[in-house]
Amino acid sequence: MSLFRVNVIARNPKDESRETPPIEALVDTGSELTWLPADVLNQAGIVPRRKRTFVTAARETVTRDVGYAILASEGFETADEVVFAEPSDLVLLGVRTVEGFGVFVDNVGHRFVAQTSIVALATES
């Protein structure tokens, strides 16, 4: 596995004219959620909705605010939960956002590749 970074923009879902500047984030398919700096999210008017507890890779338990944002990167976009990261936290683009983009991660080419979504079809009896 290789690591690479992308620029991500978070937009306020209640007022899409309010958005963050591009934020460089590490693509981390081992992280469930996307972690962006709390101060930048707050400036875009994105507000915390609840607290959530996480276990870090170093096995430390941390609690952070989580809210909703429209996330965009590399021409892809989705709505997702976002963690309000503290200054000591990594800035990460998590797997739920990647899946919401409808892409898979090309670790060799360091890019997102659009993929067709798999759906279950109902059959008539």
C-alpha atoms as a PDB file:
ATOM      1  CA  MET A   1       0.000   0.000   0.000  1.00  0.00           C
ATOM      2  CA  SER A   2       1.220   3.489  -0.768  1.00  0.00           C
ATOM      3  CA  LEU A   3       0.180   6.772   0.761  1.00  0.00           C
ATOM      4  CA  PHE A   4      -0.850   9.868  -1.124  1.00  0.00           C
ATOM      5  CA  ARG A   5      -2.560  13.163  -0.479  1.00  0.00           C
ATOM      6  CA  VAL A   6      -5.398  15.010  -2.166  1.00  0.00           C
ATOM      7  CA  ASN A   7      -6.969  18.413  -1.703  1.00  0.00           C
ATOM      8  CA  VAL A   8     -10.471  18.299  -0.247  1.00  0.00           C
ATOM      9  CA  ILE A   9     -13.069  21.042   0.129  1.00  0.00           C
ATOM     10  CA  ALA A  10     -15.849  20.863   2.719  1.00  0.00           C
ATOM     11  CA  ARG A  11     -19.045  22.808   2.032  1.00  0.00           C
ATOM     12  CA  ASN A  12     -21.700  23.759   4.539  1.00  0.00           C
ATOM     13  CA  PRO A  13     -24.766  21.618   3.697  1.00  0.00           C
ATOM     14  CA  LYS A  14     -27.132  24.408   4.828  1.00  0.00           C
ATOM     15  CA  ASP A  15     -25.381  27.111   2.787  1.00  0.00           C
ATOM     16  CA  GLU A  16     -23.227  25.698  -0.008  1.00  0.00           C
ATOM     17  CA  SER A  17     -21.735  29.125  -0.721  1.00  0.00           C
ATOM     18  CA  ARG A  18     -19.767  28.675   2.526  1.00  0.00           C
ATOM     19  CA  GLU A  19     -16.837  26.339   2.028  1.00  0.00           C
ATOM     20  CA  THR A  20     -13.348  25.682   3.261  1.00  0.00           C
ATOM     21  CA  PRO A  21     -10.289  26.449   1.199  1.00  0.00           C
ATOM     22  CA  PRO A  22      -8.674  23.328  -0.280  1.00  0.00           C
ATOM     23  CA  ILE A  23      -7.224  21.253   2.567  1.00  0.00           C
ATOM     24  CA  GLU A  24      -4.490  18.712   1.922  1.00  0.00           C
ATOM     25  CA  ALA A  25      -5.540  15.350   3.369  1.00  0.00           C
ATOM     26  CA  LEU A  26      -3.916  11.935   3.494  1.00  0.00           C
ATOM     27  CA  VAL A  27      -6.068   9.304   1.770  1.00  0.00           C
ATOM     28  CA  ASP A  28      -6.534   6.718   4.518  1.00  0.00           C
ATOM     29  CA  THR A  29      -8.785   3.753   3.754  1.00  0.00           C
ATOM     30  CA  GLY A  30      -8.031   2.510   7.269  1.00  0.00           C
ATOM     31  CA  SER A  31      -9.927   5.467   8.724  1.00  0.00           C
ATOM     32  CA  GLU A  32     -13.714   5.216   8.689  1.00  0.00           C
ATOM     33  CA  LEU A  33     -14.356   8.969   8.701  1.00  0.00           C
ATOM     34  CA  THR A  34     -12.730  12.051   7.219  1.00  0.00           C
ATOM     35  CA  TRP A  35     -10.826  14.249   9.713  1.00  0.00           C
ATOM     36  CA  LEU A  36     -10.493  17.961   8.888  1.00  0.00           C
ATOM     37  CA  PRO A  37      -9.255  20.836  11.092  1.00  0.00           C
ATOM     38  CA  ALA A  38     -11.997  22.036  13.438  1.00  0.00           C
ATOM     39  CA  ASP A  39     -11.115  25.711  13.017  1.00  0.00           C
ATOM     40  CA  VAL A  40     -11.448  25.507   9.225  1.00  0.00           C
ATOM     41  CA  LEU A  41     -14.785  23.658   9.458  1.00  0.00           C
ATOM     42  CA  ASN A  42     -16.077  26.237  11.935  1.00  0.00           C
ATOM     43  CA  GLN A  43     -15.094  29.105   9.606  1.00  0.00           C
ATOM     44  CA  ALA A  44     -17.265  27.527   6.888  1.00  0.00           C
ATOM     45  CA  GLY A  45     -20.181  27.388   9.335  1.00  0.00           C
ATOM     46  CA  ILE A  46     -20.085  23.593   9.582  1.00  0.00           C
ATOM     47  CA  VAL A  47     -21.248  22.775  13.093  1.00  0.00           C
ATOM     48  CA  PRO A  48     -20.713  19.796  15.398  1.00  0.00           C
ATOM     49  CA  ARG A  49     -23.796  17.585  15.785  1.00  0.00           C
ATOM     50  CA  ARG A  50     -22.529  15.057  18.346  1.00  0.00           C
ATOM     51  CA  LYS A  51     -19.435  13.623  19.972  1.00  0.00           C
ATOM     52  CA  ARG A  52     -17.912  10.328  18.975  1.00  0.00           C
ATOM     53  CA  THR A  53     -15.143   8.236  20.514  1.00  0.00           C
ATOM     54  CA  PHE A  54     -12.347   6.734  18.393  1.00  0.00           C
ATOM     55  CA  VAL A  55      -9.367   4.450  18.972  1.00  0.00           C
ATOM     56  CA  THR A  56      -6.239   5.727  17.229  1.00  0.00           C
ATOM     57  CA  ALA A  57      -3.588   3.618  15.507  1.00  0.00           C
ATOM     58  CA  ALA A  58      -1.512   4.094  18.688  1.00  0.00           C
ATOM     59  CA  ARG A  59      -4.440   2.536  20.636  1.00  0.00           C
ATOM     60  CA  GLU A  60      -5.269   5.832  22.337  1.00  0.00           C
ATOM     61  CA  THR A  61      -8.954   6.600  22.931  1.00  0.00           C
ATOM     62  CA  VAL A  62     -10.012  10.105  21.855  1.00  0.00           C
ATOM     63  CA  THR A  63     -13.353  11.883  21.696  1.00  0.00           C
ATOM     64  CA  ARG A  64     -14.054  14.402  18.948  1.00  0.00           C
ATOM     65  CA  ASP A  65     -16.952  16.441  17.617  1.00  0.00           C
ATOM     66  CA  VAL A  66     -18.567  15.157  14.417  1.00  0.00           C
ATOM     67  CA  GLY A  67     -20.774  17.074  11.970  1.00  0.00           C
ATOM     68  CA  TYR A  68     -22.076  16.939   8.424  1.00  0.00           C
ATOM     69  CA  ALA A  69     -20.460  18.370   5.304  1.00  0.00           C
ATOM     70  CA  ILE A  70     -20.489  18.095   1.545  1.00  0.00           C
ATOM     71  CA  LEU A  71     -17.002  16.909   0.623  1.00  0.00           C
ATOM     72  CA  ALA A  72     -15.358  17.323  -2.778  1.00  0.00           C
ATOM     73  CA  SER A  73     -12.006  16.168  -4.140  1.00  0.00           C
ATOM     74  CA  GLU A  74     -10.522  15.343  -7.542  1.00  0.00           C
ATOM     75  CA  GLY A  75     -13.844  16.064  -9.293  1.00  0.00           C
ATOM     76  CA  PHE A  76     -15.882  13.793  -7.003  1.00  0.00           C
ATOM     77  CA  GLU A  77     -18.415  14.814  -4.353  1.00  0.00           C
ATOM     78  CA  THR A  78     -20.479  13.284  -1.513  1.00  0.00           C
ATOM     79  CA  ALA A  79     -22.230  14.196   1.722  1.00  0.00           C
ATOM     80  CA  ASP A  80     -20.704  12.612   4.814  1.00  0.00           C
ATOM     81  CA  GLU A  81     -19.928  12.921   8.498  1.00  0.00           C
ATOM     82  CA  VAL A  82     -16.682  14.735   9.207  1.00  0.00           C
ATOM     83  CA  VAL A  83     -14.563  14.734  12.369  1.00  0.00           C
ATOM     84  CA  PHE A  84     -13.538  18.106  13.816  1.00  0.00           C
ATOM     85  CA  ALA A  85      -9.812  17.378  14.115  1.00  0.00           C
ATOM     86  CA  GLU A  86      -7.694  19.039  16.760  1.00  0.00           C
ATOM     87  CA  PRO A  87      -4.270  20.524  15.892  1.00  0.00           C
ATOM     88  CA  SER A  88      -2.460  17.340  16.995  1.00  0.00           C
ATOM     89  CA  ASP A  89      -4.659  15.104  14.779  1.00  0.00           C
ATOM     90  CA  LEU A  90      -3.831  13.978  11.247  1.00  0.00           C
ATOM     91  CA  VAL A  91      -5.899  15.389   8.395  1.00  0.00           C
ATOM     92  CA  LEU A  92      -7.420  12.322   6.725  1.00  0.00           C
ATOM     93  CA  LEU A  93      -9.790  11.463   3.897  1.00  0.00           C
ATOM     94  CA  GLY A  94     -11.571   8.361   5.192  1.00  0.00           C
ATOM     95  CA  VAL A  95     -13.026   5.325   3.477  1.00  0.00           C
ATOM     96  CA  ARG A  96     -16.681   6.364   3.854  1.00  0.00           C
ATOM     97  CA  THR A  97     -15.970   9.529   1.881  1.00  0.00           C
ATOM     98  CA  VAL A  98     -14.014   7.569  -0.733  1.00  0.00           C
ATOM     99  CA  GLU A  99     -16.904   5.119  -1.090  1.00  0.00           C
ATOM    100  CA  GLY A 100     -19.358   8.021  -1.276  1.00  0.00           C
ATOM    101  CA  PHE A 101     -17.331   9.414  -4.170  1.00  0.00           C
ATOM    102  CA  GLY A 102     -18.013   6.131  -6.011  1.00  0.00           C
ATOM    103  CA  VAL A 103     -14.323   5.482  -6.600  1.00  0.00           C
ATOM    104  CA  PHE A 104     -11.622   3.031  -5.690  1.00  0.00           C
ATOM    105  CA  VAL A 105      -8.142   4.083  -4.650  1.00  0.00           C
ATOM    106  CA  ASP A 106      -5.376   3.388  -7.158  1.00  0.00           C
ATOM    107  CA  ASN A 107      -2.404   3.146  -4.784  1.00  0.00           C
ATOM    108  CA  VAL A 108       0.078   2.755  -7.634  1.00  0.00           C
ATOM    109  CA  GLY A 109      -1.160   5.695  -9.702  1.00  0.00           C
ATOM    110  CA  HIS A 110      -1.976   7.761  -6.584  1.00  0.00           C
ATOM    111  CA  ARG A 111      -5.445   8.671  -7.807  1.00  0.00           C
ATOM    112  CA  PHE A 112      -9.141   7.927  -7.562  1.00  0.00           C
ATOM    113  CA  VAL A 113     -10.709   5.767 -10.272  1.00  0.00           C
ATOM    114  CA  ALA A 114     -14.461   5.939 -10.883  1.00  0.00           C
ATOM    115  CA  GLN A 115     -16.228   2.625 -10.493  1.00  0.00           C
ATOM    116  CA  THR A 116     -19.681   1.315 -11.196  1.00  0.00           C
ATOM    117  CA  SER A 117     -21.752   0.826  -8.072  1.00  0.00           C
ATOM    118  CA  ILE A 118     -23.046  -2.660  -7.367  1.00  0.00           C
ATOM    119  CA  VAL A 119     -26.748  -2.810  -6.525  1.00  0.00           C
ATOM    120  CA  ALA A 120     -29.064  -5.570  -5.487  1.00  0.00           C
ATOM    121  CA  LEU A 121     -31.946  -6.092  -7.904  1.00  0.00           C
ATOM    122  CA  ALA A 122     -35.343  -7.244  -6.770  1.00  0.00           C
ATOM    123  CA  THR A 123     -36.652 -10.228  -8.696  1.00  0.00           C
ATOM    124  CA  GLU A 124     -40.287 -10.815  -9.354  1.00  0.00           C
ATOM    125  CA  SER A 125     -41.730 -14.072  -8.018  1.00  0.00           C
END
